[in-house]
Amino acid sequence: MKIFELIVKNFHWLIILNTAYGYWTRLEEHNTALLQIQEQKPPLEDKIKALNKKIEEAKIFKANLEVSKKRVQEVAGQIETVQRQLPNQINDTEILEFFSSEAKQLNINAGFNPGMEETRDFYIAKKYNIDGKGTYLQFLIYFERIASSERLINVQSVKFSTLQEKQKGRFQMLSMNAVLEGFRYNSSYREDTGIEKIEEQFKEGGETGGRKKKRKKKGGDD
């Protein structure tokens, strides 16, 4: 009876102790949770900084992309302008007659043969092989006339060699082999600026413009 009376007499202290213990337990749990959050804070801040940096880089990349896009479009437009200035076709008869006429005026004994065509992006080049005999001065004047003509002609290669036959004049006669090129417009060519591909990659990679990394399958073949 004395123990029961003692418990009843001090029952309010039991309630206070139980309440204090419960409060202390919840406080410990709160402090533990707070400590865990504080431990996670630095890594999260680093991730946020890294993401902000990528966003800024993406903005710079996008701005530079717009500037580069305009420049590429300007260059593509210039190529198209040059492309339109080329003839639609090459008339072998006219070109060979032009080469032959210039050679005859300079008393150059020459033969001309059309070669193969070669596609080079926005234009097509047609080669012409020339074999002739004359002096160095005659050939020099000949190529100057070709270069100053309205026709777009390129001298791809020239090779001179000394003739072994007896010379009649006071100037050394040379044998000349040259390859000249005429050009025409390539109607099937379209300049690829590459802008669409870059923009598509930028969209696929999100705001950072990056690409998603593929996860390696475990146990798979390399």
C-alpha atoms as a PDB file:
ATOM      1  CA  MET A   1       0.000   0.000   0.000  1.00  0.00           C
ATOM      2  CA  LYS A   2       2.836   2.311   0.797  1.00  0.00           C
ATOM      3  CA  ILE A   3       4.342   1.752  -2.690  1.00  0.00           C
ATOM      4  CA  PHE A   4       0.980   2.448  -4.365  1.00  0.00           C
ATOM      5  CA  GLU A   5       0.494   5.587  -2.282  1.00  0.00           C
ATOM      6  CA  LEU A   6       4.001   6.666  -3.179  1.00  0.00           C
ATOM      7  CA  ILE A   7       3.296   6.187  -6.904  1.00  0.00           C
ATOM      8  CA  VAL A   8       0.024   8.073  -6.646  1.00  0.00           C
ATOM      9  CA  LYS A   9       1.671  10.828  -4.681  1.00  0.00           C
ATOM     10  CA  ASN A  10       4.441  11.214  -7.318  1.00  0.00           C
ATOM     11  CA  PHE A  11       2.319  10.404 -10.382  1.00  0.00           C
ATOM     12  CA  HIS A  12       2.604  13.942 -11.755  1.00  0.00           C
ATOM     13  CA  TRP A  13       6.396  13.595 -11.765  1.00  0.00           C
ATOM     14  CA  LEU A  14       6.093  10.422 -13.826  1.00  0.00           C
ATOM     15  CA  ILE A  15       3.977  12.290 -16.349  1.00  0.00           C
ATOM     16  CA  ILE A  16       6.515  15.124 -16.483  1.00  0.00           C
ATOM     17  CA  LEU A  17       9.420  12.690 -16.919  1.00  0.00           C
ATOM     18  CA  ASN A  18       7.608  10.768 -19.649  1.00  0.00           C
ATOM     19  CA  THR A  19       6.750  13.985 -21.478  1.00  0.00           C
ATOM     20  CA  ALA A  20      10.333  15.235 -21.151  1.00  0.00           C
ATOM     21  CA  TYR A  21      11.694  11.936 -22.462  1.00  0.00           C
ATOM     22  CA  GLY A  22       9.353  12.045 -25.454  1.00  0.00           C
ATOM     23  CA  TYR A  23      10.347  15.637 -26.197  1.00  0.00           C
ATOM     24  CA  TRP A  24      14.047  14.779 -25.863  1.00  0.00           C
ATOM     25  CA  THR A  25      13.626  11.792 -28.248  1.00  0.00           C
ATOM     26  CA  ARG A  26      11.871  13.945 -30.861  1.00  0.00           C
ATOM     27  CA  LEU A  27      14.559  16.629 -30.442  1.00  0.00           C
ATOM     28  CA  GLU A  28      17.289  14.061 -31.083  1.00  0.00           C
ATOM     29  CA  GLU A  29      15.483  12.827 -34.199  1.00  0.00           C
ATOM     30  CA  HIS A  30      15.095  16.411 -35.409  1.00  0.00           C
ATOM     31  CA  ASN A  31      18.788  17.157 -34.792  1.00  0.00           C
ATOM     32  CA  THR A  32      19.805  13.972 -36.626  1.00  0.00           C
ATOM     33  CA  ALA A  33      17.614  14.857 -39.618  1.00  0.00           C
ATOM     34  CA  LEU A  34      18.946  18.432 -39.591  1.00  0.00           C
ATOM     35  CA  LEU A  35      22.537  17.139 -39.511  1.00  0.00           C
ATOM     36  CA  GLN A  36      21.844  14.876 -42.496  1.00  0.00           C
ATOM     37  CA  ILE A  37      20.388  17.813 -44.441  1.00  0.00           C
ATOM     38  CA  GLN A  38      23.396  19.966 -43.600  1.00  0.00           C
ATOM     39  CA  GLU A  39      25.734  17.197 -44.776  1.00  0.00           C
ATOM     40  CA  GLN A  40      23.878  17.029 -48.095  1.00  0.00           C
ATOM     41  CA  LYS A  41      23.955  20.809 -48.573  1.00  0.00           C
ATOM     42  CA  PRO A  42      27.547  21.218 -49.947  1.00  0.00           C
ATOM     43  CA  PRO A  43      27.139  18.521 -52.671  1.00  0.00           C
ATOM     44  CA  LEU A  44      23.796  19.996 -53.690  1.00  0.00           C
ATOM     45  CA  GLU A  45      25.303  23.476 -53.863  1.00  0.00           C
ATOM     46  CA  ASP A  46      28.119  22.113 -56.060  1.00  0.00           C
ATOM     47  CA  LYS A  47      25.567  20.469 -58.373  1.00  0.00           C
ATOM     48  CA  ILE A  48      23.588  23.704 -58.599  1.00  0.00           C
ATOM     49  CA  LYS A  49      26.746  25.651 -59.443  1.00  0.00           C
ATOM     50  CA  ALA A  50      27.671  23.091 -62.113  1.00  0.00           C
ATOM     51  CA  LEU A  51      24.190  23.268 -63.647  1.00  0.00           C
ATOM     52  CA  ASN A  52      24.237  27.082 -63.628  1.00  0.00           C
ATOM     53  CA  LYS A  53      27.627  26.984 -65.348  1.00  0.00           C
ATOM     54  CA  LYS A  54      26.286  24.653 -68.038  1.00  0.00           C
ATOM     55  CA  ILE A  55      23.291  26.928 -68.552  1.00  0.00           C
ATOM     56  CA  GLU A  56      25.585  29.942 -69.012  1.00  0.00           C
ATOM     57  CA  GLU A  57      27.768  27.956 -71.420  1.00  0.00           C
ATOM     58  CA  ALA A  58      24.666  26.943 -73.348  1.00  0.00           C
ATOM     59  CA  LYS A  59      23.576  30.581 -73.634  1.00  0.00           C
ATOM     60  CA  ILE A  60      27.023  31.575 -74.925  1.00  0.00           C
ATOM     61  CA  PHE A  61      27.020  28.638 -77.343  1.00  0.00           C
ATOM     62  CA  LYS A  62      23.597  29.596 -78.645  1.00  0.00           C
ATOM     63  CA  ALA A  63      24.636  33.230 -79.133  1.00  0.00           C
ATOM     64  CA  ASN A  64      27.809  32.188 -80.973  1.00  0.00           C
ATOM     65  CA  LEU A  65      25.758  29.756 -83.033  1.00  0.00           C
ATOM     66  CA  GLU A  66      23.543  32.571 -84.289  1.00  0.00           C
ATOM     67  CA  VAL A  67      26.592  34.655 -85.268  1.00  0.00           C
ATOM     68  CA  SER A  68      28.258  31.681 -86.984  1.00  0.00           C
ATOM     69  CA  LYS A  69      24.977  30.847 -88.695  1.00  0.00           C
ATOM     70  CA  LYS A  70      24.850  34.286 -90.310  1.00  0.00           C
ATOM     71  CA  ARG A  71      28.473  34.046 -91.432  1.00  0.00           C
ATOM     72  CA  VAL A  72      27.979  30.581 -92.930  1.00  0.00           C
ATOM     73  CA  GLN A  73      24.856  31.770 -94.730  1.00  0.00           C
ATOM     74  CA  GLU A  74      26.823  34.705 -96.167  1.00  0.00           C
ATOM     75  CA  VAL A  75      29.569  32.382 -97.437  1.00  0.00           C
ATOM     76  CA  ALA A  76      26.971  30.006 -98.891  1.00  0.00           C
ATOM     77  CA  GLY A  77      25.348  32.964-100.653  1.00  0.00           C
ATOM     78  CA  GLN A  78      28.713  34.016-102.104  1.00  0.00           C
ATOM     79  CA  ILE A  79      29.306  30.480-103.378  1.00  0.00           C
ATOM     80  CA  GLU A  80      25.898  30.479-105.033  1.00  0.00           C
ATOM     81  CA  THR A  81      26.698  33.835-106.659  1.00  0.00           C
ATOM     82  CA  VAL A  82      29.966  32.486-108.099  1.00  0.00           C
ATOM     83  CA  GLN A  83      28.174  29.311-109.096  1.00  0.00           C
ATOM     84  CA  ARG A  84      25.626  31.246-111.162  1.00  0.00           C
ATOM     85  CA  GLN A  85      28.418  33.070-112.986  1.00  0.00           C
ATOM     86  CA  LEU A  86      29.677  29.810-114.489  1.00  0.00           C
ATOM     87  CA  PRO A  87      28.241  28.623-117.818  1.00  0.00           C
ATOM     88  CA  ASN A  88      25.651  25.852-117.801  1.00  0.00           C
ATOM     89  CA  GLN A  89      27.665  23.796-120.267  1.00  0.00           C
ATOM     90  CA  ILE A  90      31.088  23.612-121.908  1.00  0.00           C
ATOM     91  CA  ASN A  91      31.306  23.743-125.685  1.00  0.00           C
ATOM     92  CA  ASP A  92      34.406  21.754-126.604  1.00  0.00           C
ATOM     93  CA  THR A  93      34.373  23.032-130.176  1.00  0.00           C
ATOM     94  CA  GLU A  94      34.420  26.682-129.125  1.00  0.00           C
ATOM     95  CA  ILE A  95      37.116  26.205-126.481  1.00  0.00           C
ATOM     96  CA  LEU A  96      39.373  24.146-128.746  1.00  0.00           C
ATOM     97  CA  GLU A  97      38.929  26.734-131.503  1.00  0.00           C
ATOM     98  CA  PHE A  98      39.898  29.462-129.011  1.00  0.00           C
ATOM     99  CA  PHE A  99      43.043  27.587-127.924  1.00  0.00           C
ATOM    100  CA  SER A 100      43.988  26.840-131.536  1.00  0.00           C
ATOM    101  CA  SER A 101      43.374  30.407-132.737  1.00  0.00           C
ATOM    102  CA  GLU A 102      45.605  31.898-130.059  1.00  0.00           C
ATOM    103  CA  ALA A 103      48.345  29.383-130.868  1.00  0.00           C
ATOM    104  CA  LYS A 104      48.206  30.116-134.622  1.00  0.00           C
ATOM    105  CA  GLN A 105      48.500  33.867-134.039  1.00  0.00           C
ATOM    106  CA  LEU A 106      51.768  33.219-132.170  1.00  0.00           C
ATOM    107  CA  ASN A 107      53.028  30.628-134.690  1.00  0.00           C
ATOM    108  CA  ILE A 108      52.911  27.872-132.113  1.00  0.00           C
ATOM    109  CA  ASN A 109      52.572  24.406-133.588  1.00  0.00           C
ATOM    110  CA  ALA A 110      50.146  22.717-131.195  1.00  0.00           C
ATOM    111  CA  GLY A 111      47.645  19.901-130.887  1.00  0.00           C
ATOM    112  CA  PHE A 112      44.637  19.872-128.575  1.00  0.00           C
ATOM    113  CA  ASN A 113      42.655  16.998-127.061  1.00  0.00           C
ATOM    114  CA  PRO A 114      39.683  17.252-124.687  1.00  0.00           C
ATOM    115  CA  GLY A 115      40.034  15.176-121.505  1.00  0.00           C
ATOM    116  CA  MET A 116      37.679  13.949-118.788  1.00  0.00           C
ATOM    117  CA  GLU A 117      35.274  15.937-116.654  1.00  0.00           C
ATOM    118  CA  GLU A 118      35.733  16.082-112.874  1.00  0.00           C
ATOM    119  CA  THR A 119      33.037  17.126-110.410  1.00  0.00           C
ATOM    120  CA  ARG A 120      34.284  19.485-107.702  1.00  0.00           C
ATOM    121  CA  ASP A 121      31.450  20.472-105.397  1.00  0.00           C
ATOM    122  CA  PHE A 122      29.561  23.377-106.984  1.00  0.00           C
ATOM    123  CA  TYR A 123      31.336  23.232-110.359  1.00  0.00           C
ATOM    124  CA  ILE A 124      32.552  20.699-112.922  1.00  0.00           C
ATOM    125  CA  ALA A 125      36.020  20.990-114.466  1.00  0.00           C
ATOM    126  CA  LYS A 126      36.780  19.834-118.010  1.00  0.00           C
ATOM    127  CA  LYS A 127      40.411  19.141-118.855  1.00  0.00           C
ATOM    128  CA  TYR A 128      42.148  19.882-122.162  1.00  0.00           C
ATOM    129  CA  ASN A 129      45.560  18.472-123.036  1.00  0.00           C
ATOM    130  CA  ILE A 130      47.861  20.614-125.172  1.00  0.00           C
ATOM    131  CA  ASP A 131      51.093  19.514-126.889  1.00  0.00           C
ATOM    132  CA  GLY A 132      53.032  22.207-128.708  1.00  0.00           C
ATOM    133  CA  LYS A 133      56.384  23.416-130.019  1.00  0.00           C
ATOM    134  CA  GLY A 134      57.643  26.963-129.718  1.00  0.00           C
ATOM    135  CA  THR A 135      59.914  29.291-127.823  1.00  0.00           C
ATOM    136  CA  TYR A 136      59.580  30.125-124.150  1.00  0.00           C
ATOM    137  CA  LEU A 137      58.516  33.675-125.053  1.00  0.00           C
ATOM    138  CA  GLN A 138      55.790  32.397-127.375  1.00  0.00           C
ATOM    139  CA  PHE A 139      54.381  30.136-124.677  1.00  0.00           C
ATOM    140  CA  LEU A 140      54.579  32.935-122.092  1.00  0.00           C
ATOM    141  CA  ILE A 141      52.528  35.270-124.307  1.00  0.00           C
ATOM    142  CA  TYR A 142      50.136  32.408-125.131  1.00  0.00           C
ATOM    143  CA  PHE A 143      49.273  31.715-121.499  1.00  0.00           C
ATOM    144  CA  GLU A 144      48.997  35.447-120.738  1.00  0.00           C
ATOM    145  CA  ARG A 145      46.371  35.762-123.494  1.00  0.00           C
ATOM    146  CA  ILE A 146      44.438  32.802-122.153  1.00  0.00           C
ATOM    147  CA  ALA A 147      44.526  34.238-118.613  1.00  0.00           C
ATOM    148  CA  SER A 148      43.304  37.667-119.780  1.00  0.00           C
ATOM    149  CA  SER A 149      40.412  36.307-121.859  1.00  0.00           C
ATOM    150  CA  GLU A 150      36.780  36.491-120.747  1.00  0.00           C
ATOM    151  CA  ARG A 151      36.651  32.726-120.457  1.00  0.00           C
ATOM    152  CA  LEU A 152      37.357  31.181-117.050  1.00  0.00           C
ATOM    153  CA  ILE A 153      40.364  28.984-117.835  1.00  0.00           C
ATOM    154  CA  ASN A 154      42.791  27.480-115.355  1.00  0.00           C
ATOM    155  CA  VAL A 155      46.294  26.306-116.202  1.00  0.00           C
ATOM    156  CA  GLN A 156      46.553  23.157-114.118  1.00  0.00           C
ATOM    157  CA  SER A 157      50.041  22.080-115.178  1.00  0.00           C
ATOM    158  CA  VAL A 158      52.789  22.979-117.664  1.00  0.00           C
ATOM    159  CA  LYS A 159      55.864  20.972-118.562  1.00  0.00           C
ATOM    160  CA  PHE A 160      58.708  22.138-120.847  1.00  0.00           C
ATOM    161  CA  SER A 161      61.472  20.078-122.375  1.00  0.00           C
ATOM    162  CA  THR A 162      64.305  20.947-124.787  1.00  0.00           C
ATOM    163  CA  LEU A 163      63.991  19.698-128.358  1.00  0.00           C
ATOM    164  CA  GLN A 164      66.870  17.578-129.531  1.00  0.00           C
ATOM    165  CA  GLU A 165      66.423  18.518-133.208  1.00  0.00           C
ATOM    166  CA  LYS A 166      68.633  21.090-134.867  1.00  0.00           C
ATOM    167  CA  GLN A 167      67.619  24.704-134.165  1.00  0.00           C
ATOM    168  CA  LYS A 168      67.020  27.013-137.147  1.00  0.00           C
ATOM    169  CA  GLY A 169      66.532  30.285-135.264  1.00  0.00           C
ATOM    170  CA  ARG A 170      68.461  32.007-132.520  1.00  0.00           C
ATOM    171  CA  PHE A 171      65.810  31.207-129.908  1.00  0.00           C
ATOM    172  CA  GLN A 172      65.734  27.824-128.224  1.00  0.00           C
ATOM    173  CA  MET A 173      62.742  25.750-129.307  1.00  0.00           C
ATOM    174  CA  LEU A 174      60.885  23.919-126.572  1.00  0.00           C
ATOM    175  CA  SER A 175      58.384  21.101-126.374  1.00  0.00           C
ATOM    176  CA  MET A 176      55.456  21.942-124.153  1.00  0.00           C
ATOM    177  CA  ASN A 177      52.805  19.753-122.552  1.00  0.00           C
ATOM    178  CA  ALA A 178      50.056  21.483-120.587  1.00  0.00           C
ATOM    179  CA  VAL A 179      46.702  20.692-119.021  1.00  0.00           C
ATOM    180  CA  LEU A 180      44.109  23.476-119.090  1.00  0.00           C
ATOM    181  CA  GLU A 181      40.713  23.442-117.416  1.00  0.00           C
ATOM    182  CA  GLY A 182      37.365  24.890-118.370  1.00  0.00           C
ATOM    183  CA  PHE A 183      34.480  25.083-115.907  1.00  0.00           C
ATOM    184  CA  ARG A 184      30.726  24.761-115.895  1.00  0.00           C
ATOM    185  CA  TYR A 185      27.940  25.072-113.365  1.00  0.00           C
ATOM    186  CA  ASN A 186      26.985  21.943-111.372  1.00  0.00           C
ATOM    187  CA  SER A 187      23.203  22.225-111.271  1.00  0.00           C
ATOM    188  CA  SER A 188      22.789  19.259-108.878  1.00  0.00           C
ATOM    189  CA  TYR A 189      24.969  20.750-106.137  1.00  0.00           C
ATOM    190  CA  ARG A 190      23.510  22.399-103.048  1.00  0.00           C
ATOM    191  CA  GLU A 191      25.793  23.950-100.447  1.00  0.00           C
ATOM    192  CA  ASP A 192      25.453  22.163 -97.086  1.00  0.00           C
ATOM    193  CA  THR A 193      25.985  24.722 -94.321  1.00  0.00           C
ATOM    194  CA  GLY A 194      25.671  22.142 -91.528  1.00  0.00           C
ATOM    195  CA  ILE A 195      23.561  24.580 -89.485  1.00  0.00           C
ATOM    196  CA  GLU A 196      20.488  22.338 -89.360  1.00  0.00           C
ATOM    197  CA  LYS A 197      22.519  19.425 -87.991  1.00  0.00           C
ATOM    198  CA  ILE A 198      24.100  21.550 -85.261  1.00  0.00           C
ATOM    199  CA  GLU A 199      20.736  22.994 -84.230  1.00  0.00           C
ATOM    200  CA  GLU A 200      19.215  19.504 -84.111  1.00  0.00           C
ATOM    201  CA  GLN A 201      22.027  18.282 -81.863  1.00  0.00           C
ATOM    202  CA  PHE A 202      21.511  21.338 -79.648  1.00  0.00           C
ATOM    203  CA  LYS A 203      17.806  20.550 -79.280  1.00  0.00           C
ATOM    204  CA  GLU A 204      18.435  16.867 -78.564  1.00  0.00           C
ATOM    205  CA  GLY A 205      20.977  17.743 -75.866  1.00  0.00           C
ATOM    206  CA  GLY A 206      18.679  20.197 -74.086  1.00  0.00           C
ATOM    207  CA  GLU A 207      19.676  23.683 -73.010  1.00  0.00           C
ATOM    208  CA  THR A 208      23.270  22.598 -72.394  1.00  0.00           C
ATOM    209  CA  GLY A 209      23.656  21.372 -75.956  1.00  0.00           C
ATOM    210  CA  GLY A 210      25.237  18.147 -74.716  1.00  0.00           C
ATOM    211  CA  ARG A 211      24.514  14.594 -75.652  1.00  0.00           C
ATOM    212  CA  LYS A 212      23.092  11.990 -73.339  1.00  0.00           C
ATOM    213  CA  LYS A 213      25.602   9.317 -72.438  1.00  0.00           C
ATOM    214  CA  LYS A 214      24.625   5.754 -73.185  1.00  0.00           C
ATOM    215  CA  ARG A 215      24.902   3.342 -70.282  1.00  0.00           C
ATOM    216  CA  LYS A 216      27.092   0.329 -70.854  1.00  0.00           C
ATOM    217  CA  LYS A 217      25.282  -2.991 -70.617  1.00  0.00           C
ATOM    218  CA  LYS A 218      26.795  -5.330 -68.058  1.00  0.00           C
ATOM    219  CA  GLY A 219      28.026  -8.593 -69.484  1.00  0.00           C
ATOM    220  CA  GLY A 220      27.576  -7.364 -73.065  1.00  0.00           C
ATOM    221  CA  ASP A 221      30.072  -7.412 -75.886  1.00  0.00           C
ATOM    222  CA  ASP A 222      32.277  -4.352 -76.326  1.00  0.00           C
END
